[in-house]
Amino acid sequence: MSTESILIALIVGGIGGWLAGLIVKGSGFGIVGNIVIGILGALLSSWLLPQLGLGFDAGNALITSILYAMVGAIIVIVLLSLVRRAR
């Protein structure tokens, strides 16, 4: 994996995680946490959404990647908040 693609994954993950943090209030994990959650969310949603028949294409690869990261990060944040509450 090239340095450029790693940087793009970090930026897309950060934007997706940040947007998810805005949508799911009260579950902020800081900038590093949002980047990690965004990247994990992008991986999760890029596998899960097509399996469910819910894949989408925004016409622009960057926008689609950010949307996938955001949707996946929302799922991860909700799951993490449920685990926090269980404790």
N, C-alpha and C. Protein backbone atom coordinates (compact mmCIF):
# COMPACT_ATOMS: atom_id res chain seq x y z
N MET A 1 0.86 -1.17 0.00
CA MET A 1 0.00 0.00 0.00
C MET A 1 0.91 1.23 0.00
N SER A 2 0.62 2.15 -0.88
CA SER A 2 1.47 3.34 -0.99
C SER A 2 1.15 4.35 0.10
N THR A 3 2.07 5.28 0.28
CA THR A 3 1.89 6.33 1.27
C THR A 3 0.67 7.18 0.94
N GLU A 4 0.46 7.41 -0.34
CA GLU A 4 -0.68 8.22 -0.77
C GLU A 4 -2.00 7.55 -0.42
N SER A 5 -2.12 6.25 -0.65
CA SER A 5 -3.38 5.56 -0.34
C SER A 5 -3.61 5.46 1.16
N ILE A 6 -2.54 5.34 1.95
CA ILE A 6 -2.69 5.35 3.40
C ILE A 6 -3.19 6.71 3.87
N LEU A 7 -2.63 7.78 3.31
CA LEU A 7 -3.06 9.13 3.66
C LEU A 7 -4.52 9.37 3.28
N ILE A 8 -4.91 8.90 2.12
CA ILE A 8 -6.30 9.06 1.69
C ILE A 8 -7.24 8.28 2.61
N ALA A 9 -6.84 7.05 3.00
CA ALA A 9 -7.67 6.26 3.91
C ALA A 9 -7.82 6.96 5.25
N LEU A 10 -6.74 7.59 5.74
CA LEU A 10 -6.82 8.33 7.01
C LEU A 10 -7.74 9.53 6.89
N ILE A 11 -7.66 10.24 5.79
CA ILE A 11 -8.50 11.42 5.59
C ILE A 11 -9.97 11.02 5.46
N VAL A 12 -10.23 10.01 4.63
CA VAL A 12 -11.61 9.54 4.44
C VAL A 12 -12.17 9.00 5.75
N GLY A 13 -11.36 8.21 6.47
CA GLY A 13 -11.79 7.69 7.76
C GLY A 13 -12.06 8.79 8.77
N GLY A 14 -11.20 9.80 8.77
CA GLY A 14 -11.38 10.93 9.69
C GLY A 14 -12.65 11.70 9.39
N ILE A 15 -12.90 11.95 8.12
CA ILE A 15 -14.12 12.68 7.74
C ILE A 15 -15.35 11.86 8.06
N GLY A 16 -15.32 10.56 7.72
CA GLY A 16 -16.46 9.69 8.01
C GLY A 16 -16.71 9.57 9.51
N GLY A 17 -15.64 9.42 10.28
CA GLY A 17 -15.78 9.34 11.74
C GLY A 17 -16.26 10.63 12.35
N TRP A 18 -15.77 11.75 11.83
CA TRP A 18 -16.20 13.06 12.32
C TRP A 18 -17.68 13.28 12.04
N LEU A 19 -18.11 12.96 10.81
CA LEU A 19 -19.53 13.11 10.47
C LEU A 19 -20.40 12.20 11.33
N ALA A 20 -19.94 10.98 11.56
CA ALA A 20 -20.70 10.06 12.41
C ALA A 20 -20.78 10.59 13.83
N GLY A 21 -19.69 11.19 14.32
CA GLY A 21 -19.69 11.78 15.66
C GLY A 21 -20.68 12.93 15.77
N LEU A 22 -20.86 13.67 14.67
CA LEU A 22 -21.85 14.75 14.67
C LEU A 22 -23.28 14.21 14.68
N ILE A 23 -23.48 13.11 13.96
CA ILE A 23 -24.82 12.54 13.86
C ILE A 23 -25.21 11.84 15.15
N VAL A 24 -24.29 11.06 15.71
CA VAL A 24 -24.55 10.34 16.96
C VAL A 24 -23.97 11.19 18.09
N LYS A 25 -24.78 12.04 18.65
CA LYS A 25 -24.32 12.99 19.68
C LYS A 25 -23.92 12.27 20.96
N GLY A 26 -22.95 12.84 21.65
CA GLY A 26 -22.54 12.33 22.94
C GLY A 26 -21.64 11.12 22.90
N SER A 27 -21.13 10.77 21.74
CA SER A 27 -20.29 9.58 21.63
C SER A 27 -18.95 9.90 20.97
N GLY A 28 -18.43 11.08 21.24
CA GLY A 28 -17.17 11.48 20.63
C GLY A 28 -15.99 10.70 21.18
N PHE A 29 -15.04 10.37 20.33
CA PHE A 29 -13.86 9.63 20.72
C PHE A 29 -12.59 10.39 20.40
N GLY A 30 -12.69 11.70 20.12
CA GLY A 30 -11.51 12.48 19.77
C GLY A 30 -11.11 12.25 18.32
N ILE A 31 -10.15 13.02 17.86
CA ILE A 31 -9.78 12.96 16.45
C ILE A 31 -9.18 11.61 16.07
N VAL A 32 -8.30 11.08 16.91
CA VAL A 32 -7.68 9.78 16.60
C VAL A 32 -8.72 8.67 16.67
N GLY A 33 -9.57 8.73 17.68
CA GLY A 33 -10.63 7.74 17.80
C GLY A 33 -11.60 7.80 16.64
N ASN A 34 -11.93 9.01 16.19
CA ASN A 34 -12.83 9.16 15.05
C ASN A 34 -12.21 8.60 13.78
N ILE A 35 -10.89 8.81 13.60
CA ILE A 35 -10.22 8.27 12.41
C ILE A 35 -10.26 6.75 12.44
N VAL A 36 -9.95 6.17 13.59
CA VAL A 36 -9.96 4.71 13.72
C VAL A 36 -11.36 4.17 13.51
N ILE A 37 -12.35 4.80 14.13
CA ILE A 37 -13.73 4.36 13.98
C ILE A 37 -14.19 4.53 12.53
N GLY A 38 -13.78 5.62 11.89
CA GLY A 38 -14.13 5.84 10.48
C GLY A 38 -13.55 4.77 9.57
N ILE A 39 -12.27 4.40 9.80
CA ILE A 39 -11.64 3.37 8.99
C ILE A 39 -12.30 2.02 9.24
N LEU A 40 -12.52 1.68 10.51
CA LEU A 40 -13.22 0.42 10.82
C LEU A 40 -14.63 0.42 10.24
N GLY A 41 -15.29 1.58 10.33
CA GLY A 41 -16.64 1.70 9.78
C GLY A 41 -16.66 1.53 8.27
N ALA A 42 -15.65 2.08 7.60
CA ALA A 42 -15.58 1.94 6.14
C ALA A 42 -15.40 0.48 5.75
N LEU A 43 -14.54 -0.22 6.49
CA LEU A 43 -14.34 -1.64 6.21
C LEU A 43 -15.62 -2.43 6.48
N LEU A 44 -16.27 -2.13 7.60
CA LEU A 44 -17.50 -2.82 7.96
C LEU A 44 -18.60 -2.57 6.93
N SER A 45 -18.83 -1.33 6.61
CA SER A 45 -19.94 -1.01 5.71
C SER A 45 -19.66 -1.42 4.27
N SER A 46 -18.39 -1.42 3.84
CA SER A 46 -18.11 -1.86 2.47
C SER A 46 -18.34 -3.36 2.31
N TRP A 47 -18.32 -4.10 3.41
CA TRP A 47 -18.67 -5.53 3.35
C TRP A 47 -20.16 -5.74 3.63
N LEU A 48 -20.68 -5.06 4.67
CA LEU A 48 -22.03 -5.33 5.15
C LEU A 48 -23.13 -4.82 4.22
N LEU A 49 -23.01 -3.59 3.75
CA LEU A 49 -24.09 -3.01 2.95
C LEU A 49 -24.36 -3.77 1.66
N PRO A 50 -23.33 -4.16 0.88
CA PRO A 50 -23.63 -4.97 -0.32
C PRO A 50 -24.23 -6.34 0.03
N GLN A 51 -23.83 -6.92 1.18
CA GLN A 51 -24.41 -8.20 1.60
C GLN A 51 -25.91 -8.07 1.85
N LEU A 52 -26.32 -6.90 2.34
CA LEU A 52 -27.73 -6.64 2.62
C LEU A 52 -28.48 -6.08 1.41
N GLY A 53 -27.75 -5.87 0.31
CA GLY A 53 -28.36 -5.30 -0.89
C GLY A 53 -28.58 -3.80 -0.78
N LEU A 54 -27.83 -3.14 0.11
CA LEU A 54 -28.01 -1.71 0.35
C LEU A 54 -26.84 -0.87 -0.16
N GLY A 55 -25.99 -1.45 -1.00
CA GLY A 55 -24.86 -0.69 -1.51
C GLY A 55 -25.33 0.50 -2.33
N PHE A 56 -24.54 1.54 -2.36
CA PHE A 56 -24.92 2.74 -3.11
C PHE A 56 -23.70 3.33 -3.78
N ASP A 57 -23.94 4.16 -4.78
CA ASP A 57 -22.88 4.83 -5.51
C ASP A 57 -23.29 6.27 -5.70
N ALA A 58 -22.51 7.19 -5.14
CA ALA A 58 -22.84 8.61 -5.22
C ALA A 58 -22.33 9.24 -6.51
N GLY A 59 -21.72 8.44 -7.38
CA GLY A 59 -21.22 8.98 -8.63
C GLY A 59 -19.78 9.45 -8.55
N ASN A 60 -19.29 9.68 -7.37
CA ASN A 60 -17.92 10.13 -7.15
C ASN A 60 -17.31 9.17 -6.14
N ALA A 61 -16.17 8.58 -6.48
CA ALA A 61 -15.56 7.56 -5.62
C ALA A 61 -15.22 8.11 -4.24
N LEU A 62 -14.76 9.35 -4.16
CA LEU A 62 -14.40 9.93 -2.87
C LEU A 62 -15.63 10.14 -1.99
N ILE A 63 -16.69 10.68 -2.58
CA ILE A 63 -17.94 10.90 -1.84
C ILE A 63 -18.52 9.57 -1.39
N THR A 64 -18.51 8.57 -2.27
CA THR A 64 -19.02 7.25 -1.91
C THR A 64 -18.22 6.65 -0.77
N SER A 65 -16.90 6.79 -0.81
CA SER A 65 -16.04 6.28 0.26
C SER A 65 -16.34 6.96 1.58
N ILE A 66 -16.54 8.27 1.55
CA ILE A 66 -16.86 9.01 2.77
C ILE A 66 -18.22 8.57 3.31
N LEU A 67 -19.19 8.38 2.43
CA LEU A 67 -20.52 7.93 2.88
C LEU A 67 -20.46 6.53 3.49
N TYR A 68 -19.71 5.63 2.86
CA TYR A 68 -19.54 4.29 3.43
C TYR A 68 -18.87 4.38 4.80
N ALA A 69 -17.83 5.19 4.91
CA ALA A 69 -17.13 5.35 6.19
C ALA A 69 -18.07 5.92 7.25
N MET A 70 -18.89 6.88 6.86
CA MET A 70 -19.81 7.50 7.81
C MET A 70 -20.86 6.51 8.29
N VAL A 71 -21.47 5.77 7.36
CA VAL A 71 -22.50 4.80 7.74
C VAL A 71 -21.89 3.72 8.64
N GLY A 72 -20.74 3.22 8.25
CA GLY A 72 -20.08 2.21 9.06
C GLY A 72 -19.67 2.73 10.42
N ALA A 73 -19.17 3.97 10.46
CA ALA A 73 -18.77 4.57 11.74
C ALA A 73 -19.98 4.77 12.65
N ILE A 74 -21.12 5.12 12.09
CA ILE A 74 -22.34 5.24 12.89
C ILE A 74 -22.68 3.89 13.52
N ILE A 75 -22.58 2.82 12.73
CA ILE A 75 -22.85 1.49 13.26
C ILE A 75 -21.88 1.15 14.39
N VAL A 76 -20.58 1.44 14.17
CA VAL A 76 -19.57 1.14 15.19
C VAL A 76 -19.80 1.97 16.45
N ILE A 77 -20.11 3.25 16.29
CA ILE A 77 -20.34 4.12 17.45
C ILE A 77 -21.55 3.64 18.26
N VAL A 78 -22.62 3.27 17.57
CA VAL A 78 -23.81 2.78 18.26
C VAL A 78 -23.49 1.49 19.01
N LEU A 79 -22.76 0.59 18.37
CA LEU A 79 -22.38 -0.65 19.04
C LEU A 79 -21.49 -0.39 20.26
N LEU A 80 -20.52 0.53 20.11
CA LEU A 80 -19.65 0.87 21.23
C LEU A 80 -20.42 1.52 22.37
N SER A 81 -21.40 2.36 22.05
CA SER A 81 -22.18 2.99 23.11
C SER A 81 -23.06 1.96 23.82
N LEU A 82 -23.53 0.95 23.10
CA LEU A 82 -24.30 -0.13 23.75
C LEU A 82 -23.42 -0.93 24.69
N VAL A 83 -22.17 -1.17 24.29
CA VAL A 83 -21.24 -1.90 25.15
C VAL A 83 -20.92 -1.07 26.39
N ARG A 84 -20.73 0.23 26.21
CA ARG A 84 -20.48 1.12 27.36
C ARG A 84 -21.62 1.09 28.36
N ARG A 85 -22.84 1.11 27.87
CA ARG A 85 -24.02 1.12 28.74
C ARG A 85 -24.15 -0.19 29.50
N ALA A 86 -23.74 -1.29 28.88
CA ALA A 86 -23.86 -2.60 29.51
C ALA A 86 -22.94 -2.71 30.73
N ARG A 87 -21.89 -1.92 30.75
CA ARG A 87 -20.98 -1.96 31.89
C ARG A 87 -21.59 -1.18 32.97
